[in-house]
């Protein structure tokens, strides 16, 4: 869990080019889960599995994660699986 939080934080910092403070205390996160195969997945478990990563994103942006709004969707399968996260201004 600690590694996932740190990795998500570092990736957020790298991708956002210093966005800390940019979102004025709120942000929208859009998660796209791209599984490694076509087997059925439980959305609730996928969301729960992102808890540590979401905390890392919050750390990197300097936002309390209680101020995130989030959407979740499924993408096409990708070899090895992936979760794509888009961060935007909350409206």
N, C-alpha and C. Protein backbone atom coordinates (compact mmCIF):
# COMPACT_ATOMS: atom_id res chain seq x y z
N UNK A 1 0.82 -1.19 0.00
CA UNK A 1 0.00 0.00 0.00
C UNK A 1 0.87 1.26 0.00
N UNK A 2 1.89 1.27 0.82
CA UNK A 2 2.77 2.44 0.88
C UNK A 2 3.44 2.68 -0.47
N UNK A 3 3.84 1.60 -1.14
CA UNK A 3 4.49 1.73 -2.46
C UNK A 3 3.52 2.29 -3.49
N UNK A 4 2.27 1.85 -3.46
CA UNK A 4 1.27 2.35 -4.40
C UNK A 4 1.01 3.84 -4.18
N UNK A 5 0.95 4.25 -2.91
CA UNK A 5 0.73 5.66 -2.59
C UNK A 5 1.89 6.51 -3.08
N UNK A 6 3.12 6.05 -2.82
CA UNK A 6 4.29 6.80 -3.25
C UNK A 6 4.38 6.85 -4.77
N UNK A 7 4.16 5.73 -5.42
CA UNK A 7 4.24 5.68 -6.89
C UNK A 7 3.22 6.63 -7.51
N UNK A 8 1.99 6.60 -7.02
CA UNK A 8 0.95 7.48 -7.56
C UNK A 8 1.31 8.95 -7.34
N UNK A 9 1.88 9.25 -6.18
CA UNK A 9 2.31 10.61 -5.91
C UNK A 9 3.39 11.07 -6.87
N UNK A 10 4.41 10.24 -7.08
CA UNK A 10 5.50 10.58 -8.00
C UNK A 10 4.99 10.73 -9.43
N UNK A 11 4.12 9.82 -9.85
CA UNK A 11 3.58 9.90 -11.20
C UNK A 11 2.73 11.16 -11.39
N UNK A 12 1.98 11.53 -10.37
CA UNK A 12 1.17 12.74 -10.43
C UNK A 12 2.04 13.97 -10.55
N UNK A 13 3.08 14.03 -9.74
CA UNK A 13 4.00 15.17 -9.80
C UNK A 13 4.63 15.25 -11.18
N UNK A 14 5.08 14.12 -11.70
CA UNK A 14 5.71 14.11 -13.02
C UNK A 14 4.77 14.50 -14.13
N UNK A 15 3.54 14.01 -14.07
CA UNK A 15 2.57 14.28 -15.13
C UNK A 15 1.97 15.67 -15.04
N UNK A 16 1.90 16.22 -13.84
CA UNK A 16 1.21 17.50 -13.66
C UNK A 16 2.14 18.70 -13.74
N UNK A 17 3.43 18.46 -13.80
CA UNK A 17 4.41 19.54 -13.90
C UNK A 17 4.18 20.62 -12.85
N UNK A 18 4.08 20.20 -11.60
CA UNK A 18 3.96 21.15 -10.50
C UNK A 18 2.57 21.69 -10.31
N UNK A 19 1.55 20.86 -10.40
CA UNK A 19 0.17 21.31 -10.27
C UNK A 19 -0.26 21.51 -8.82
N UNK A 20 0.64 21.29 -7.87
CA UNK A 20 0.28 21.45 -6.46
C UNK A 20 -0.31 22.84 -6.24
N UNK A 21 -1.48 22.89 -5.67
CA UNK A 21 -2.16 24.16 -5.41
C UNK A 21 -3.00 24.67 -6.58
N UNK A 22 -2.89 24.05 -7.73
CA UNK A 22 -3.60 24.49 -8.93
C UNK A 22 -5.10 24.29 -8.82
N UNK A 23 -5.54 23.31 -8.05
CA UNK A 23 -6.95 22.94 -8.05
C UNK A 23 -7.77 23.58 -6.94
N UNK A 24 -7.24 24.50 -6.23
CA UNK A 24 -7.99 25.27 -5.23
C UNK A 24 -8.79 24.41 -4.27
N UNK A 25 -8.22 23.29 -3.85
CA UNK A 25 -8.84 22.45 -2.85
C UNK A 25 -9.82 21.42 -3.36
N UNK A 26 -10.04 21.35 -4.67
CA UNK A 26 -10.95 20.34 -5.22
C UNK A 26 -10.48 19.91 -6.60
N UNK A 27 -10.74 18.66 -6.93
CA UNK A 27 -10.38 18.15 -8.26
C UNK A 27 -11.30 16.99 -8.62
N UNK A 28 -11.44 16.77 -9.91
CA UNK A 28 -12.21 15.64 -10.42
C UNK A 28 -11.22 14.59 -10.92
N UNK A 29 -11.41 13.35 -10.48
CA UNK A 29 -10.58 12.25 -10.95
C UNK A 29 -11.46 11.33 -11.80
N UNK A 30 -10.98 10.99 -12.97
CA UNK A 30 -11.67 10.04 -13.85
C UNK A 30 -10.78 8.81 -13.98
N UNK A 31 -11.25 7.69 -13.46
CA UNK A 31 -10.50 6.43 -13.51
C UNK A 31 -11.03 5.57 -14.64
N UNK A 32 -10.14 5.06 -15.48
CA UNK A 32 -10.50 4.10 -16.50
C UNK A 32 -9.72 2.82 -16.22
N UNK A 33 -10.44 1.77 -15.88
CA UNK A 33 -9.82 0.48 -15.58
C UNK A 33 -9.71 -0.33 -16.86
N UNK A 34 -8.49 -0.66 -17.25
CA UNK A 34 -8.23 -1.47 -18.44
C UNK A 34 -7.67 -2.79 -17.95
N UNK A 35 -8.51 -3.81 -17.86
CA UNK A 35 -8.08 -5.09 -17.28
C UNK A 35 -7.10 -5.83 -18.20
N UNK A 36 -6.42 -6.83 -17.66
CA UNK A 36 -5.47 -7.59 -18.48
C UNK A 36 -6.15 -8.61 -19.41
N UNK A 37 -7.43 -8.86 -19.18
CA UNK A 37 -8.16 -9.82 -20.03
C UNK A 37 -9.65 -9.47 -19.98
N UNK A 38 -10.47 -10.26 -20.64
CA UNK A 38 -11.90 -9.95 -20.76
C UNK A 38 -12.77 -10.52 -19.64
N UNK A 39 -12.14 -11.08 -18.60
CA UNK A 39 -12.95 -11.62 -17.49
C UNK A 39 -13.71 -10.49 -16.81
N UNK A 40 -14.85 -10.83 -16.25
CA UNK A 40 -15.69 -9.88 -15.53
C UNK A 40 -14.98 -9.39 -14.27
N UNK A 41 -15.08 -8.11 -13.99
CA UNK A 41 -14.48 -7.52 -12.79
C UNK A 41 -15.55 -6.88 -11.93
N UNK A 42 -15.34 -6.85 -10.64
CA UNK A 42 -16.24 -6.22 -9.69
C UNK A 42 -15.82 -4.77 -9.51
N UNK A 43 -16.67 -3.85 -9.93
CA UNK A 43 -16.35 -2.42 -9.88
C UNK A 43 -15.99 -1.95 -8.46
N UNK A 44 -16.74 -2.42 -7.46
CA UNK A 44 -16.47 -1.99 -6.08
C UNK A 44 -15.06 -2.37 -5.63
N UNK A 45 -14.63 -3.57 -5.99
CA UNK A 45 -13.28 -4.00 -5.60
C UNK A 45 -12.21 -3.20 -6.35
N UNK A 46 -12.47 -2.87 -7.60
CA UNK A 46 -11.50 -2.07 -8.35
C UNK A 46 -11.36 -0.68 -7.73
N UNK A 47 -12.48 -0.08 -7.35
CA UNK A 47 -12.44 1.23 -6.72
C UNK A 47 -11.68 1.16 -5.40
N UNK A 48 -11.98 0.15 -4.59
CA UNK A 48 -11.29 -0.02 -3.31
C UNK A 48 -9.80 -0.24 -3.49
N UNK A 49 -9.42 -0.92 -4.56
CA UNK A 49 -8.00 -1.19 -4.80
C UNK A 49 -7.21 0.07 -5.12
N UNK A 50 -7.90 1.16 -5.44
CA UNK A 50 -7.22 2.42 -5.77
C UNK A 50 -7.09 3.36 -4.58
N UNK A 51 -7.47 2.93 -3.38
CA UNK A 51 -7.44 3.80 -2.20
C UNK A 51 -6.06 4.39 -1.96
N UNK A 52 -5.04 3.56 -1.93
CA UNK A 52 -3.68 4.07 -1.65
C UNK A 52 -3.21 5.00 -2.77
N UNK A 53 -3.50 4.65 -4.01
CA UNK A 53 -3.10 5.50 -5.13
C UNK A 53 -3.82 6.85 -5.07
N UNK A 54 -5.10 6.83 -4.72
CA UNK A 54 -5.85 8.08 -4.58
C UNK A 54 -5.25 8.96 -3.49
N UNK A 55 -4.83 8.35 -2.40
CA UNK A 55 -4.16 9.11 -1.33
C UNK A 55 -2.86 9.72 -1.85
N UNK A 56 -2.11 8.99 -2.66
CA UNK A 56 -0.87 9.52 -3.23
C UNK A 56 -1.12 10.69 -4.16
N UNK A 57 -2.19 10.62 -4.94
CA UNK A 57 -2.56 11.73 -5.81
C UNK A 57 -2.91 12.95 -4.97
N UNK A 58 -3.67 12.73 -3.91
CA UNK A 58 -4.03 13.83 -3.00
C UNK A 58 -2.79 14.45 -2.38
N UNK A 59 -1.85 13.62 -1.95
CA UNK A 59 -0.60 14.13 -1.38
C UNK A 59 0.12 15.02 -2.39
N UNK A 60 0.24 14.54 -3.63
CA UNK A 60 0.98 15.27 -4.65
C UNK A 60 0.33 16.60 -5.01
N UNK A 61 -1.00 16.64 -4.99
CA UNK A 61 -1.72 17.85 -5.36
C UNK A 61 -1.94 18.78 -4.17
N UNK A 62 -1.70 18.27 -2.96
CA UNK A 62 -1.94 19.08 -1.77
C UNK A 62 -3.41 19.30 -1.49
N UNK A 63 -4.22 18.27 -1.79
CA UNK A 63 -5.68 18.34 -1.62
C UNK A 63 -6.12 17.23 -0.67
N UNK A 64 -7.08 17.53 0.19
CA UNK A 64 -7.70 16.50 1.01
C UNK A 64 -8.53 15.62 0.07
N UNK A 65 -8.31 14.31 0.09
CA UNK A 65 -9.03 13.44 -0.84
C UNK A 65 -10.54 13.44 -0.63
N UNK A 66 -11.02 13.98 0.46
CA UNK A 66 -12.47 14.13 0.67
C UNK A 66 -13.05 15.14 -0.32
N UNK A 67 -12.18 15.98 -0.90
CA UNK A 67 -12.62 17.00 -1.85
C UNK A 67 -12.54 16.54 -3.31
N UNK A 68 -12.28 15.27 -3.54
CA UNK A 68 -12.28 14.73 -4.89
C UNK A 68 -13.69 14.32 -5.28
N UNK A 69 -14.05 14.55 -6.52
CA UNK A 69 -15.20 13.89 -7.12
C UNK A 69 -14.60 12.90 -8.12
N UNK A 70 -15.22 11.76 -8.28
CA UNK A 70 -14.62 10.74 -9.12
C UNK A 70 -15.65 10.05 -10.00
N UNK A 71 -15.18 9.64 -11.18
CA UNK A 71 -15.97 8.80 -12.07
C UNK A 71 -15.14 7.57 -12.39
N UNK A 72 -15.81 6.48 -12.67
CA UNK A 72 -15.14 5.21 -12.92
C UNK A 72 -15.73 4.57 -14.17
N UNK A 73 -14.85 4.06 -15.03
CA UNK A 73 -15.31 3.38 -16.23
C UNK A 73 -14.34 2.25 -16.58
N UNK A 74 -14.78 1.41 -17.51
CA UNK A 74 -13.94 0.32 -17.98
C UNK A 74 -13.48 0.62 -19.40
N UNK A 75 -12.20 0.38 -19.66
CA UNK A 75 -11.65 0.50 -21.00
C UNK A 75 -11.40 -0.88 -21.58
N UNK A 76 -10.81 -0.90 -22.74
CA UNK A 76 -10.47 -2.16 -23.39
C UNK A 76 -9.34 -2.86 -22.63
N UNK A 77 -9.31 -4.17 -22.68
CA UNK A 77 -8.20 -4.89 -22.04
C UNK A 77 -6.85 -4.48 -22.62
N UNK A 78 -5.86 -4.40 -21.73
CA UNK A 78 -4.48 -4.07 -22.09
C UNK A 78 -3.60 -5.14 -21.48
N UNK A 79 -2.65 -5.65 -22.24
CA UNK A 79 -1.75 -6.67 -21.71
C UNK A 79 -1.12 -6.17 -20.41
N UNK A 80 -1.27 -6.95 -19.35
CA UNK A 80 -0.75 -6.58 -18.04
C UNK A 80 -1.70 -5.73 -17.22
N UNK A 81 -2.73 -5.16 -17.84
CA UNK A 81 -3.70 -4.33 -17.14
C UNK A 81 -3.16 -2.94 -16.87
N UNK A 82 -4.06 -1.99 -16.66
CA UNK A 82 -3.67 -0.61 -16.42
C UNK A 82 -4.85 0.16 -15.83
N UNK A 83 -4.54 1.20 -15.09
CA UNK A 83 -5.56 2.14 -14.64
C UNK A 83 -5.12 3.51 -15.12
N UNK A 84 -5.96 4.15 -15.92
CA UNK A 84 -5.67 5.48 -16.43
C UNK A 84 -6.43 6.49 -15.57
N UNK A 85 -5.73 7.51 -15.10
CA UNK A 85 -6.36 8.52 -14.25
C UNK A 85 -6.20 9.88 -14.91
N UNK A 86 -7.32 10.57 -15.08
CA UNK A 86 -7.31 11.93 -15.60
C UNK A 86 -7.73 12.86 -14.46
N UNK A 87 -6.95 13.89 -14.25
CA UNK A 87 -7.24 14.86 -13.18
C UNK A 87 -7.63 16.17 -13.83
N UNK A 88 -8.77 16.72 -13.41
CA UNK A 88 -9.22 18.00 -13.95
C UNK A 88 -9.82 18.85 -12.84
N UNK A 89 -10.11 20.08 -13.17
CA UNK A 89 -10.69 21.00 -12.20
C UNK A 89 -12.11 20.57 -11.87
N UNK A 90 -12.46 20.56 -10.60
CA UNK A 90 -13.82 20.25 -10.18
C UNK A 90 -14.70 21.44 -10.48
N UNK A 91 -15.90 21.15 -10.96
CA UNK A 91 -16.83 22.24 -11.30
C UNK A 91 -18.06 22.17 -10.47
